[in-house]
């Protein structure tokens, strides 16, 4: 719909796509909790890796697709609806199958918004997302400002994204083998911070090494944030509510970060101030990640249980 040429299809299509992505993001941790209780890290790693890979393939493949098929850019973008149609067919048997487990499935979870651990998971999700949005949105202009041409800057970002794919798959499995996830959450936040600050202020000849380090940290943070949603939830129904809370609040927080980078650039005429902002975000991600990584469960109560009490 977005490429039909008018302003209404653009906004309507964007809203529909955004709602679909949001619903899918919220429900996947709950499905992992319900269907793969013995291997949550493996499944979380696989689907977070698929998320990054899908975005990377679409971003890198659209222009070559347009040129090889000699079509318009709008048609080239619209062709990515075909994989979504295939996924619909794959999910259809699961969607129409009778629910085998209905434990508390129709009951409303309350008190989650008053639970401190739930808020720590939420802040961890939001702050790591803010870091990722900053990288995707601003690292190319930052590197261009430091003297790299557009192609080189794009390649640096591509390397970071490819490393993130590997980190998304590896770190959830490592995390569940630990006594808790606090230390590894902090380590990934520090890696992301050092990598970004190195690309911003470090020797330009080391930009590739810093991009790899940043990719390790960012990919690890993204996968670990989704993993702790599963690990901190006592069942799939609570996981759905915790996922909804963490991602709705978290992504709202994260959406402001690229704007702040742009505002700081306009006010100061450079990107140095963004380094301080990014350091603060990484520190916040480390603190919330330490708390969210503790071996605890969120204290969520079902409405009917509270009525009985």
C-alpha atoms as a PDB file:
ATOM      1  CA  UNK A   1       0.000   0.000   0.000  1.00  0.00           C
ATOM      2  CA  UNK A   2       2.829   2.378   0.835  1.00  0.00           C
ATOM      3  CA  UNK A   3       3.947   2.777  -2.773  1.00  0.00           C
ATOM      4  CA  UNK A   4       0.620   3.612  -4.386  1.00  0.00           C
ATOM      5  CA  UNK A   5       1.632   7.254  -4.686  1.00  0.00           C
ATOM      6  CA  UNK A   6      -0.755   9.085  -2.389  1.00  0.00           C
ATOM      7  CA  UNK A   7      -0.239  10.286   1.170  1.00  0.00           C
ATOM      8  CA  UNK A   8      -3.139   8.219   2.569  1.00  0.00           C
ATOM      9  CA  UNK A   9      -1.791   4.786   1.491  1.00  0.00           C
ATOM     10  CA  UNK A  10       1.635   5.808   2.787  1.00  0.00           C
ATOM     11  CA  UNK A  11       0.413   6.519   6.309  1.00  0.00           C
ATOM     12  CA  UNK A  12      -2.213   3.777   6.378  1.00  0.00           C
ATOM     13  CA  UNK A  13       0.233   1.161   5.126  1.00  0.00           C
ATOM     14  CA  UNK A  14       2.871   2.308   7.602  1.00  0.00           C
ATOM     15  CA  UNK A  15       0.378   2.083  10.473  1.00  0.00           C
ATOM     16  CA  UNK A  16      -0.748  -1.407   9.458  1.00  0.00           C
ATOM     17  CA  UNK A  17       2.821  -2.666   9.083  1.00  0.00           C
ATOM     18  CA  UNK A  18       3.838  -1.108  12.391  1.00  0.00           C
ATOM     19  CA  UNK A  19       0.912  -2.674  14.254  1.00  0.00           C
ATOM     20  CA  UNK A  20       1.652  -6.083  12.746  1.00  0.00           C
ATOM     21  CA  UNK A  21       5.325  -5.875  13.712  1.00  0.00           C
ATOM     22  CA  UNK A  22       4.444  -4.766  17.243  1.00  0.00           C
ATOM     23  CA  UNK A  23       1.965  -7.610  17.774  1.00  0.00           C
ATOM     24  CA  UNK A  24       4.419 -10.180  16.429  1.00  0.00           C
ATOM     25  CA  UNK A  25       7.227  -8.862  18.634  1.00  0.00           C
ATOM     26  CA  UNK A  26       5.036  -9.042  21.737  1.00  0.00           C
ATOM     27  CA  UNK A  27       3.697 -12.543  21.109  1.00  0.00           C
ATOM     28  CA  UNK A  28       6.916 -14.328  20.102  1.00  0.00           C
ATOM     29  CA  UNK A  29       8.472 -14.429  23.621  1.00  0.00           C
ATOM     30  CA  UNK A  30       5.208 -15.888  24.949  1.00  0.00           C
ATOM     31  CA  UNK A  31       5.164 -18.539  22.204  1.00  0.00           C
ATOM     32  CA  UNK A  32       8.757 -19.448  23.053  1.00  0.00           C
ATOM     33  CA  UNK A  33       7.838 -19.715  26.737  1.00  0.00           C
ATOM     34  CA  UNK A  34       4.830 -21.923  25.974  1.00  0.00           C
ATOM     35  CA  UNK A  35       6.057 -24.169  23.162  1.00  0.00           C
ATOM     36  CA  UNK A  36       9.795 -24.443  23.962  1.00  0.00           C
ATOM     37  CA  UNK A  37      10.086 -24.354  27.775  1.00  0.00           C
ATOM     38  CA  UNK A  38      13.260 -26.483  27.712  1.00  0.00           C
ATOM     39  CA  UNK A  39      15.118 -24.472  25.073  1.00  0.00           C
ATOM     40  CA  UNK A  40      14.066 -20.812  25.404  1.00  0.00           C
ATOM     41  CA  UNK A  41      17.562 -19.469  24.722  1.00  0.00           C
ATOM     42  CA  UNK A  42      18.028 -21.434  21.510  1.00  0.00           C
ATOM     43  CA  UNK A  43      14.659 -20.391  20.106  1.00  0.00           C
ATOM     44  CA  UNK A  44      15.077 -16.768  21.192  1.00  0.00           C
ATOM     45  CA  UNK A  45      18.498 -16.705  19.556  1.00  0.00           C
ATOM     46  CA  UNK A  46      17.125 -18.176  16.346  1.00  0.00           C
ATOM     47  CA  UNK A  47      14.255 -15.751  15.960  1.00  0.00           C
ATOM     48  CA  UNK A  48      16.243 -12.658  16.949  1.00  0.00           C
ATOM     49  CA  UNK A  49      18.884 -13.684  14.416  1.00  0.00           C
ATOM     50  CA  UNK A  50      16.097 -14.066  11.843  1.00  0.00           C
ATOM     51  CA  UNK A  51      14.801 -10.573  12.682  1.00  0.00           C
ATOM     52  CA  UNK A  52      18.199  -9.001  12.051  1.00  0.00           C
ATOM     53  CA  UNK A  53      18.843 -11.131   8.973  1.00  0.00           C
ATOM     54  CA  UNK A  54      15.481 -10.286   7.420  1.00  0.00           C
ATOM     55  CA  UNK A  55      16.022  -6.565   7.890  1.00  0.00           C
ATOM     56  CA  UNK A  56      19.550  -6.787   6.504  1.00  0.00           C
ATOM     57  CA  UNK A  57      18.500  -8.803   3.446  1.00  0.00           C
ATOM     58  CA  UNK A  58      15.649  -6.430   2.622  1.00  0.00           C
ATOM     59  CA  UNK A  59      17.828  -3.351   3.070  1.00  0.00           C
ATOM     60  CA  UNK A  60      20.675  -4.736   0.985  1.00  0.00           C
ATOM     61  CA  UNK A  61      18.593  -6.576  -1.601  1.00  0.00           C
ATOM     62  CA  UNK A  62      15.948  -4.071  -2.647  1.00  0.00           C
ATOM     63  CA  UNK A  63      18.094  -1.945  -4.962  1.00  0.00           C
ATOM     64  CA  UNK A  64      19.699  -4.937  -6.754  1.00  0.00           C
ATOM     65  CA  UNK A  65      16.201  -6.425  -7.111  1.00  0.00           C
ATOM     66  CA  UNK A  66      14.879  -3.216  -8.661  1.00  0.00           C
ATOM     67  CA  UNK A  67      17.782  -3.027 -11.104  1.00  0.00           C
ATOM     68  CA  UNK A  68      17.740  -6.695 -12.132  1.00  0.00           C
ATOM     69  CA  UNK A  69      13.968  -6.793 -12.711  1.00  0.00           C
ATOM     70  CA  UNK A  70      13.889  -3.238 -14.153  1.00  0.00           C
ATOM     71  CA  UNK A  71      10.973  -2.209 -11.946  1.00  0.00           C
ATOM     72  CA  UNK A  72      10.181   0.874  -9.886  1.00  0.00           C
ATOM     73  CA  UNK A  73      11.449   1.212  -6.338  1.00  0.00           C
ATOM     74  CA  UNK A  74       7.870   1.047  -5.039  1.00  0.00           C
ATOM     75  CA  UNK A  75       7.320  -2.307  -6.742  1.00  0.00           C
ATOM     76  CA  UNK A  76      10.668  -3.536  -5.451  1.00  0.00           C
ATOM     77  CA  UNK A  77       9.646  -2.729  -1.890  1.00  0.00           C
ATOM     78  CA  UNK A  78       6.203  -4.252  -2.412  1.00  0.00           C
ATOM     79  CA  UNK A  79       7.774  -7.573  -3.417  1.00  0.00           C
ATOM     80  CA  UNK A  80       8.860  -8.066   0.204  1.00  0.00           C
ATOM     81  CA  UNK A  81       5.187  -8.706   0.983  1.00  0.00           C
ATOM     82  CA  UNK A  82       5.599 -12.113  -0.688  1.00  0.00           C
ATOM     83  CA  UNK A  83       7.717 -13.600   2.133  1.00  0.00           C
ATOM     84  CA  UNK A  84       5.119 -12.299   4.591  1.00  0.00           C
ATOM     85  CA  UNK A  85       2.463 -14.175   2.628  1.00  0.00           C
ATOM     86  CA  UNK A  86       4.531 -17.350   2.858  1.00  0.00           C
ATOM     87  CA  UNK A  87       4.851 -16.901   6.618  1.00  0.00           C
ATOM     88  CA  UNK A  88       1.051 -16.577   6.825  1.00  0.00           C
ATOM     89  CA  UNK A  89       0.722 -20.046   5.280  1.00  0.00           C
ATOM     90  CA  UNK A  90       3.308 -21.458   7.690  1.00  0.00           C
ATOM     91  CA  UNK A  91       1.504 -20.053  10.737  1.00  0.00           C
ATOM     92  CA  UNK A  92      -2.010 -20.943   9.613  1.00  0.00           C
ATOM     93  CA  UNK A  93      -2.055 -24.542  10.943  1.00  0.00           C
ATOM     94  CA  UNK A  94      -0.852 -23.290  14.330  1.00  0.00           C
ATOM     95  CA  UNK A  95      -3.439 -20.518  14.390  1.00  0.00           C
ATOM     96  CA  UNK A  96      -6.455 -22.752  13.685  1.00  0.00           C
ATOM     97  CA  UNK A  97      -5.349 -25.676  15.885  1.00  0.00           C
ATOM     98  CA  UNK A  98      -7.261 -26.100  19.167  1.00  0.00           C
ATOM     99  CA  UNK A  99      -5.441 -24.683  22.155  1.00  0.00           C
ATOM    100  CA  UNK A 100      -3.992 -27.591  24.086  1.00  0.00           C
ATOM    101  CA  UNK A 101      -3.340 -25.597  27.245  1.00  0.00           C
ATOM    102  CA  UNK A 102      -5.739 -23.064  28.691  1.00  0.00           C
ATOM    103  CA  UNK A 103      -4.214 -22.450  32.071  1.00  0.00           C
ATOM    104  CA  UNK A 104      -5.360 -18.985  33.102  1.00  0.00           C
ATOM    105  CA  UNK A 105      -5.405 -18.100  29.441  1.00  0.00           C
ATOM    106  CA  UNK A 106      -8.554 -15.971  29.714  1.00  0.00           C
ATOM    107  CA  UNK A 107      -7.625 -14.218  32.965  1.00  0.00           C
ATOM    108  CA  UNK A 108      -6.301 -10.713  33.203  1.00  0.00           C
ATOM    109  CA  UNK A 109      -2.851 -10.134  34.681  1.00  0.00           C
ATOM    110  CA  UNK A 110      -2.743  -7.197  37.074  1.00  0.00           C
ATOM    111  CA  UNK A 111      -0.074  -5.623  39.307  1.00  0.00           C
ATOM    112  CA  UNK A 112       2.686  -6.151  36.729  1.00  0.00           C
ATOM    113  CA  UNK A 113       3.028  -2.391  36.256  1.00  0.00           C
ATOM    114  CA  UNK A 114       3.766  -2.098  39.993  1.00  0.00           C
ATOM    115  CA  UNK A 115       6.501  -4.727  39.976  1.00  0.00           C
ATOM    116  CA  UNK A 116      10.072  -3.386  40.173  1.00  0.00           C
ATOM    117  CA  UNK A 117      11.590  -6.315  38.275  1.00  0.00           C
ATOM    118  CA  UNK A 118       9.130  -5.782  35.413  1.00  0.00           C
ATOM    119  CA  UNK A 119      10.242  -2.164  35.177  1.00  0.00           C
ATOM    120  CA  UNK A 120      13.896  -3.188  35.195  1.00  0.00           C
ATOM    121  CA  UNK A 121      13.229  -5.532  32.264  1.00  0.00           C
ATOM    122  CA  UNK A 122      11.344  -2.698  30.544  1.00  0.00           C
ATOM    123  CA  UNK A 123      14.168  -0.185  30.976  1.00  0.00           C
ATOM    124  CA  UNK A 124      16.706  -2.744  29.768  1.00  0.00           C
ATOM    125  CA  UNK A 125      14.641  -3.314  26.634  1.00  0.00           C
ATOM    126  CA  UNK A 126      14.141   0.406  26.005  1.00  0.00           C
ATOM    127  CA  UNK A 127      17.711   1.523  26.591  1.00  0.00           C
ATOM    128  CA  UNK A 128      19.291  -1.191  24.462  1.00  0.00           C
ATOM    129  CA  UNK A 129      16.798  -0.393  21.693  1.00  0.00           C
ATOM    130  CA  UNK A 130      17.738   3.280  21.923  1.00  0.00           C
ATOM    131  CA  UNK A 131      21.370   2.308  21.414  1.00  0.00           C
ATOM    132  CA  UNK A 132      20.481   0.236  18.363  1.00  0.00           C
ATOM    133  CA  UNK A 133      18.323   2.936  16.773  1.00  0.00           C
ATOM    134  CA  UNK A 134      21.160   5.434  17.208  1.00  0.00           C
ATOM    135  CA  UNK A 135      23.603   3.149  15.424  1.00  0.00           C
ATOM    136  CA  UNK A 136      21.250   2.357  12.539  1.00  0.00           C
ATOM    137  CA  UNK A 137      20.203   5.970  12.096  1.00  0.00           C
ATOM    138  CA  UNK A 138      23.383   7.940  12.697  1.00  0.00           C
ATOM    139  CA  UNK A 139      26.579   5.929  12.411  1.00  0.00           C
ATOM    140  CA  UNK A 140      26.840   6.466   8.638  1.00  0.00           C
ATOM    141  CA  UNK A 141      26.560  10.292   8.912  1.00  0.00           C
ATOM    142  CA  UNK A 142      28.959  10.206  11.870  1.00  0.00           C
ATOM    143  CA  UNK A 143      31.579   8.244   9.931  1.00  0.00           C
ATOM    144  CA  UNK A 144      31.047  10.424   6.868  1.00  0.00           C
ATOM    145  CA  UNK A 145      31.671  13.456   9.072  1.00  0.00           C
ATOM    146  CA  UNK A 146      34.922  11.802  10.198  1.00  0.00           C
ATOM    147  CA  UNK A 147      36.133  11.509   6.598  1.00  0.00           C
ATOM    148  CA  UNK A 148      34.873   8.199   5.250  1.00  0.00           C
ATOM    149  CA  UNK A 149      32.939   8.229   1.998  1.00  0.00           C
ATOM    150  CA  UNK A 150      29.387   6.945   1.820  1.00  0.00           C
ATOM    151  CA  UNK A 151      30.331   3.475   0.574  1.00  0.00           C
ATOM    152  CA  UNK A 152      32.919   2.912   3.290  1.00  0.00           C
ATOM    153  CA  UNK A 153      30.568   4.159   5.998  1.00  0.00           C
ATOM    154  CA  UNK A 154      27.834   1.841   4.735  1.00  0.00           C
ATOM    155  CA  UNK A 155      30.230  -1.105   4.753  1.00  0.00           C
ATOM    156  CA  UNK A 156      31.182  -0.383   8.362  1.00  0.00           C
ATOM    157  CA  UNK A 157      27.512  -0.487   9.328  1.00  0.00           C
ATOM    158  CA  UNK A 158      27.042  -3.698   7.336  1.00  0.00           C
ATOM    159  CA  UNK A 159      29.906  -5.352   9.188  1.00  0.00           C
ATOM    160  CA  UNK A 160      28.369  -4.328  12.501  1.00  0.00           C
ATOM    161  CA  UNK A 161      24.992  -5.780  11.482  1.00  0.00           C
ATOM    162  CA  UNK A 162      26.527  -9.069  10.308  1.00  0.00           C
ATOM    163  CA  UNK A 163      28.328  -9.435  13.631  1.00  0.00           C
ATOM    164  CA  UNK A 164      25.037  -8.741  15.385  1.00  0.00           C
ATOM    165  CA  UNK A 165      23.502 -11.715  13.585  1.00  0.00           C
ATOM    166  CA  UNK A 166      26.074 -14.034  15.129  1.00  0.00           C
ATOM    167  CA  UNK A 167      25.789 -12.417  18.565  1.00  0.00           C
ATOM    168  CA  UNK A 168      21.987 -12.739  18.516  1.00  0.00           C
ATOM    169  CA  UNK A 169      22.325 -16.489  18.096  1.00  0.00           C
ATOM    170  CA  UNK A 170      25.223 -17.137  20.470  1.00  0.00           C
ATOM    171  CA  UNK A 171      24.618 -15.065  23.591  1.00  0.00           C
ATOM    172  CA  UNK A 172      21.151 -16.300  24.716  1.00  0.00           C
ATOM    173  CA  UNK A 173      22.510 -19.860  24.921  1.00  0.00           C
ATOM    174  CA  UNK A 174      25.538 -18.638  26.856  1.00  0.00           C
ATOM    175  CA  UNK A 175      23.378 -16.561  29.177  1.00  0.00           C
ATOM    176  CA  UNK A 176      21.118 -19.404  30.340  1.00  0.00           C
ATOM    177  CA  UNK A 177      24.184 -21.449  31.271  1.00  0.00           C
ATOM    178  CA  UNK A 178      25.194 -18.754  33.769  1.00  0.00           C
ATOM    179  CA  UNK A 179      23.934 -18.567  37.332  1.00  0.00           C
ATOM    180  CA  UNK A 180      22.164 -15.373  36.279  1.00  0.00           C
ATOM    181  CA  UNK A 181      22.343 -12.991  33.339  1.00  0.00           C
ATOM    182  CA  UNK A 182      23.455  -9.860  35.199  1.00  0.00           C
ATOM    183  CA  UNK A 183      27.151 -10.002  34.361  1.00  0.00           C
ATOM    184  CA  UNK A 184      26.705 -10.825  30.682  1.00  0.00           C
ATOM    185  CA  UNK A 185      24.112  -8.030  30.321  1.00  0.00           C
ATOM    186  CA  UNK A 186      26.593  -5.519  31.739  1.00  0.00           C
ATOM    187  CA  UNK A 187      29.423  -6.885  29.571  1.00  0.00           C
ATOM    188  CA  UNK A 188      27.364  -6.445  26.395  1.00  0.00           C
ATOM    189  CA  UNK A 189      26.417  -2.879  27.367  1.00  0.00           C
ATOM    190  CA  UNK A 190      30.085  -2.032  27.897  1.00  0.00           C
ATOM    191  CA  UNK A 191      31.056  -3.635  24.577  1.00  0.00           C
ATOM    192  CA  UNK A 192      28.408  -1.601  22.750  1.00  0.00           C
ATOM    193  CA  UNK A 193      29.557   1.592  24.471  1.00  0.00           C
ATOM    194  CA  UNK A 194      33.258   1.074  23.773  1.00  0.00           C
ATOM    195  CA  UNK A 195      32.555   0.131  20.165  1.00  0.00           C
ATOM    196  CA  UNK A 196      30.402   3.181  19.489  1.00  0.00           C
ATOM    197  CA  UNK A 197      32.729   5.610  21.288  1.00  0.00           C
ATOM    198  CA  UNK A 198      35.654   4.122  19.378  1.00  0.00           C
ATOM    199  CA  UNK A 199      33.924   4.786  16.069  1.00  0.00           C
ATOM    200  CA  UNK A 200      33.066   8.288  17.230  1.00  0.00           C
ATOM    201  CA  UNK A 201      36.382   9.347  18.809  1.00  0.00           C
ATOM    202  CA  UNK A 202      38.956   6.592  18.194  1.00  0.00           C
ATOM    203  CA  UNK A 203      41.583   6.312  15.452  1.00  0.00           C
ATOM    204  CA  UNK A 204      39.759   6.096  12.136  1.00  0.00           C
ATOM    205  CA  UNK A 205      42.015   3.255  10.979  1.00  0.00           C
ATOM    206  CA  UNK A 206      40.561   1.101  13.793  1.00  0.00           C
ATOM    207  CA  UNK A 207      36.965   1.780  12.809  1.00  0.00           C
ATOM    208  CA  UNK A 208      36.470  -1.785  11.542  1.00  0.00           C
ATOM    209  CA  UNK A 209      37.588  -3.301  14.845  1.00  0.00           C
ATOM    210  CA  UNK A 210      35.345  -0.931  16.780  1.00  0.00           C
ATOM    211  CA  UNK A 211      32.398  -1.779  14.518  1.00  0.00           C
ATOM    212  CA  UNK A 212      32.879  -5.491  15.238  1.00  0.00           C
ATOM    213  CA  UNK A 213      32.996  -4.831  18.985  1.00  0.00           C
ATOM    214  CA  UNK A 214      29.882  -2.666  18.754  1.00  0.00           C
ATOM    215  CA  UNK A 215      28.104  -5.372  16.763  1.00  0.00           C
ATOM    216  CA  UNK A 216      28.920  -7.961  19.420  1.00  0.00           C
ATOM    217  CA  UNK A 217      27.572  -5.706  22.158  1.00  0.00           C
ATOM    218  CA  UNK A 218      24.475  -4.522  20.300  1.00  0.00           C
ATOM    219  CA  UNK A 219      23.467  -7.940  19.001  1.00  0.00           C
ATOM    220  CA  UNK A 220      24.019  -9.467  22.417  1.00  0.00           C
ATOM    221  CA  UNK A 221      21.938  -6.776  24.118  1.00  0.00           C
ATOM    222  CA  UNK A 222      19.016  -7.204  21.718  1.00  0.00           C
ATOM    223  CA  UNK A 223      18.873 -10.972  22.129  1.00  0.00           C
ATOM    224  CA  UNK A 224      19.415 -10.845  25.886  1.00  0.00           C
ATOM    225  CA  UNK A 225      16.645  -8.262  26.362  1.00  0.00           C
ATOM    226  CA  UNK A 226      14.187 -10.649  24.706  1.00  0.00           C
ATOM    227  CA  UNK A 227      15.627 -13.610  26.598  1.00  0.00           C
ATOM    228  CA  UNK A 228      15.098 -12.047  30.030  1.00  0.00           C
ATOM    229  CA  UNK A 229      11.432 -11.436  29.169  1.00  0.00           C
ATOM    230  CA  UNK A 230      11.062 -15.212  28.831  1.00  0.00           C
ATOM    231  CA  UNK A 231      13.237 -16.097  31.820  1.00  0.00           C
ATOM    232  CA  UNK A 232      11.636 -13.635  34.237  1.00  0.00           C
ATOM    233  CA  UNK A 233       8.069 -14.821  33.425  1.00  0.00           C
ATOM    234  CA  UNK A 234       6.480 -17.729  35.337  1.00  0.00           C
ATOM    235  CA  UNK A 235       4.279 -18.798  32.394  1.00  0.00           C
ATOM    236  CA  UNK A 236       3.408 -17.925  28.809  1.00  0.00           C
ATOM    237  CA  UNK A 237       0.434 -15.731  29.738  1.00  0.00           C
ATOM    238  CA  UNK A 238       2.547 -13.531  32.011  1.00  0.00           C
ATOM    239  CA  UNK A 239       5.268 -13.498  29.340  1.00  0.00           C
ATOM    240  CA  UNK A 240       2.768 -11.955  26.922  1.00  0.00           C
ATOM    241  CA  UNK A 241       1.939  -9.168  29.364  1.00  0.00           C
ATOM    242  CA  UNK A 242       5.575  -8.561  30.330  1.00  0.00           C
ATOM    243  CA  UNK A 243       6.555  -8.512  26.664  1.00  0.00           C
ATOM    244  CA  UNK A 244       3.788  -6.012  25.931  1.00  0.00           C
ATOM    245  CA  UNK A 245       4.871  -3.759  28.791  1.00  0.00           C
ATOM    246  CA  UNK A 246       8.587  -3.965  28.013  1.00  0.00           C
ATOM    247  CA  UNK A 247       8.242  -3.386  24.289  1.00  0.00           C
ATOM    248  CA  UNK A 248       5.519  -0.727  24.309  1.00  0.00           C
ATOM    249  CA  UNK A 249       7.259   1.421  26.906  1.00  0.00           C
ATOM    250  CA  UNK A 250      10.739   0.452  25.751  1.00  0.00           C
ATOM    251  CA  UNK A 251      10.277   1.262  22.081  1.00  0.00           C
ATOM    252  CA  UNK A 252       8.569   4.545  22.958  1.00  0.00           C
ATOM    253  CA  UNK A 253      11.684   5.472  24.922  1.00  0.00           C
ATOM    254  CA  UNK A 254      13.924   4.290  22.102  1.00  0.00           C
ATOM    255  CA  UNK A 255      12.084   6.283  19.446  1.00  0.00           C
ATOM    256  CA  UNK A 256      13.215   9.538  21.079  1.00  0.00           C
ATOM    257  CA  UNK A 257      16.936   8.721  20.950  1.00  0.00           C
ATOM    258  CA  UNK A 258      17.628   9.330  17.222  1.00  0.00           C
ATOM    259  CA  UNK A 259      15.748  12.626  17.517  1.00  0.00           C
ATOM    260  CA  UNK A 260      17.936  13.677  20.456  1.00  0.00           C
ATOM    261  CA  UNK A 261      21.074  12.898  18.464  1.00  0.00           C
ATOM    262  CA  UNK A 262      19.815  15.162  15.687  1.00  0.00           C
ATOM    263  CA  UNK A 263      18.902  17.927  18.126  1.00  0.00           C
ATOM    264  CA  UNK A 264      22.340  17.771  19.754  1.00  0.00           C
ATOM    265  CA  UNK A 265      23.983  17.908  16.344  1.00  0.00           C
ATOM    266  CA  UNK A 266      22.018  21.032  15.411  1.00  0.00           C
ATOM    267  CA  UNK A 267      22.814  22.696  18.737  1.00  0.00           C
ATOM    268  CA  UNK A 268      26.534  21.897  18.813  1.00  0.00           C
ATOM    269  CA  UNK A 269      27.402  21.566  15.129  1.00  0.00           C
ATOM    270  CA  UNK A 270      29.006  18.154  15.660  1.00  0.00           C
ATOM    271  CA  UNK A 271      28.530  14.660  17.048  1.00  0.00           C
ATOM    272  CA  UNK A 272      30.766  14.848  20.123  1.00  0.00           C
ATOM    273  CA  UNK A 273      27.821  15.543  22.425  1.00  0.00           C
ATOM    274  CA  UNK A 274      26.181  12.362  21.176  1.00  0.00           C
ATOM    275  CA  UNK A 275      29.031  10.443  22.766  1.00  0.00           C
ATOM    276  CA  UNK A 276      27.957  11.658  26.194  1.00  0.00           C
ATOM    277  CA  UNK A 277      24.356  10.781  25.470  1.00  0.00           C
ATOM    278  CA  UNK A 278      25.331   7.321  24.265  1.00  0.00           C
ATOM    279  CA  UNK A 279      27.523   6.778  27.342  1.00  0.00           C
ATOM    280  CA  UNK A 280      24.573   7.637  29.581  1.00  0.00           C
ATOM    281  CA  UNK A 281      22.339   5.198  27.710  1.00  0.00           C
ATOM    282  CA  UNK A 282      24.906   2.407  27.991  1.00  0.00           C
ATOM    283  CA  UNK A 283      25.310   3.080  31.702  1.00  0.00           C
ATOM    284  CA  UNK A 284      21.538   2.924  32.128  1.00  0.00           C
ATOM    285  CA  UNK A 285      21.399  -0.305  30.091  1.00  0.00           C
ATOM    286  CA  UNK A 286      24.139  -1.807  32.255  1.00  0.00           C
ATOM    287  CA  UNK A 287      22.373  -0.891  35.515  1.00  0.00           C
ATOM    288  CA  UNK A 288      18.939  -2.092  34.388  1.00  0.00           C
ATOM    289  CA  UNK A 289      20.496  -5.157  32.746  1.00  0.00           C
ATOM    290  CA  UNK A 290      22.189  -6.113  36.003  1.00  0.00           C
ATOM    291  CA  UNK A 291      18.867  -5.931  37.843  1.00  0.00           C
ATOM    292  CA  UNK A 292      16.871  -7.626  35.066  1.00  0.00           C
ATOM    293  CA  UNK A 293      19.399 -10.467  34.939  1.00  0.00           C
ATOM    294  CA  UNK A 294      18.823 -11.632  38.507  1.00  0.00           C
ATOM    295  CA  UNK A 295      17.341 -15.105  38.933  1.00  0.00           C
ATOM    296  CA  UNK A 296      13.857 -13.962  39.931  1.00  0.00           C
ATOM    297  CA  UNK A 297      10.339 -13.993  38.523  1.00  0.00           C
ATOM    298  CA  UNK A 298       8.070 -10.983  38.139  1.00  0.00           C
ATOM    299  CA  UNK A 299       5.291 -10.808  40.718  1.00  0.00           C
ATOM    300  CA  UNK A 300       2.205 -10.903  38.524  1.00  0.00           C
ATOM    301  CA  UNK A 301      -1.215 -11.798  39.857  1.00  0.00           C
ATOM    302  CA  UNK A 302      -4.341 -12.838  38.018  1.00  0.00           C
ATOM    303  CA  UNK A 303      -7.422 -10.711  38.561  1.00  0.00           C
ATOM    304  CA  UNK A 304      -9.598 -13.619  39.692  1.00  0.00           C
ATOM    305  CA  UNK A 305      -6.943 -14.644  42.240  1.00  0.00           C
ATOM    306  CA  UNK A 306      -6.881 -11.137  43.723  1.00  0.00           C
ATOM    307  CA  UNK A 307     -10.668 -11.078  43.898  1.00  0.00           C
ATOM    308  CA  UNK A 308     -10.602 -14.309  45.924  1.00  0.00           C
ATOM    309  CA  UNK A 309      -7.981 -12.858  48.234  1.00  0.00           C
END
